[in-house]
Structure formats: structure tokens, C-alpha cells
Amino acid sequence: MSRRDRYSDFEKLSKMVVITVRFPEVFVEGLDELVRRRIYSSRSEAIRDAVRRLLKSELGRLG
């Protein structure tokens, strides 16, 4: 499986791993605003989407 396929099929992966991340307060406020506006259902969903986009963008060029 290529790197591109691995990240484009992210939603199909079932195992989730908990990690601890520290963000500046302004980032958390922004995440909360996205949730308040119902753009995302949770902070976690917004962060997963951002990471998924980053991985597709950055690692997709390698494959």
C-alpha cells in the first residue's frame, strides 16, 4: 500500500490511539469555535481532519 493510499483511506482504519498534545490557548479557542459553529462535532474530529490533510499534502508528494 502506498503512503498516499494509506492516508486517503484513513476513515477505514479502526484502531485509534490516544496521544497527548499541547496547543497554544488560541488554537484551542479556535477549535472550540469550529465545534460551536457545528463545523466539526468535536475538537478531536477537527484535529484528525487537520492531520489527515497535512499527511495527504506532505506525504502524498513522496509517493
Protein backbone atom coordinates (compact mmCIF):
# COMPACT_ATOMS: atom_id res chain seq x y z
CA MET A 1 0.00 0.00 0.00
CA SER A 2 1.43 3.39 -0.95
CA ARG A 3 1.65 6.24 1.53
CA ARG A 4 -0.98 8.11 -0.42
CA ASP A 5 -3.45 5.20 -0.19
CA ARG A 6 -2.69 4.74 3.48
CA TYR A 7 -3.76 8.28 4.38
CA SER A 8 -6.60 8.64 1.89
CA ASP A 9 -8.23 5.55 3.41
CA PHE A 10 -7.83 6.90 6.96
CA GLU A 11 -11.55 6.67 7.70
CA LYS A 12 -11.41 2.91 7.12
CA LEU A 13 -8.85 2.41 9.88
CA SER A 14 -10.49 1.22 13.06
CA LYS A 15 -7.74 1.38 15.67
CA MET A 16 -7.45 4.75 17.38
CA VAL A 17 -4.52 5.65 19.60
CA VAL A 18 -4.70 8.30 22.30
CA ILE A 19 -1.91 10.89 22.26
CA THR A 20 -1.28 13.95 24.41
CA VAL A 21 -0.68 17.21 22.58
CA ARG A 22 -0.15 20.71 23.91
CA PHE A 23 -1.57 23.65 21.94
CA PRO A 24 -1.46 27.38 22.48
CA GLU A 25 -4.68 28.58 24.09
CA VAL A 26 -5.66 30.50 20.95
CA PHE A 27 -5.61 27.22 18.96
CA VAL A 28 -7.96 25.59 21.48
CA GLU A 29 -10.27 28.60 21.31
CA GLY A 30 -10.31 28.26 17.52
CA LEU A 31 -11.11 24.55 17.77
CA ASP A 32 -13.93 25.32 20.21
CA GLU A 33 -15.31 27.90 17.77
CA LEU A 34 -15.34 25.31 14.97
CA VAL A 35 -17.28 22.96 17.26
CA ARG A 36 -19.63 25.75 18.41
CA ARG A 37 -20.42 26.55 14.75
CA ARG A 38 -21.05 22.82 14.18
CA ILE A 39 -18.37 22.62 11.52
CA TYR A 40 -16.94 19.69 13.49
CA SER A 41 -18.63 17.60 16.15
CA SER A 42 -15.60 17.69 18.48
CA ARG A 43 -12.09 19.01 18.90
CA SER A 44 -10.80 15.52 18.15
CA GLU A 45 -12.63 15.37 14.83
CA ALA A 46 -11.23 18.77 13.81
CA ILE A 47 -7.69 17.77 14.75
CA ARG A 48 -7.97 14.41 12.95
CA ASP A 49 -9.15 16.22 9.81
CA ALA A 50 -6.26 18.70 10.02
CA VAL A 51 -3.69 15.92 10.48
CA ARG A 52 -5.23 13.87 7.67
CA ARG A 53 -4.96 16.88 5.32
CA LEU A 54 -1.36 17.51 6.40
CA LEU A 55 -0.35 13.90 5.82
CA LYS A 56 -2.02 13.80 2.40
CA SER A 57 -0.37 17.08 1.43
CA GLU A 58 3.12 16.42 2.74
CA LEU A 59 3.47 12.66 2.34
CA GLY A 60 1.38 12.37 -0.80
CA ARG A 61 4.18 14.14 -2.67
CA LEU A 62 6.60 11.41 -1.67
CA GLY A 63 4.65 8.56 -3.18
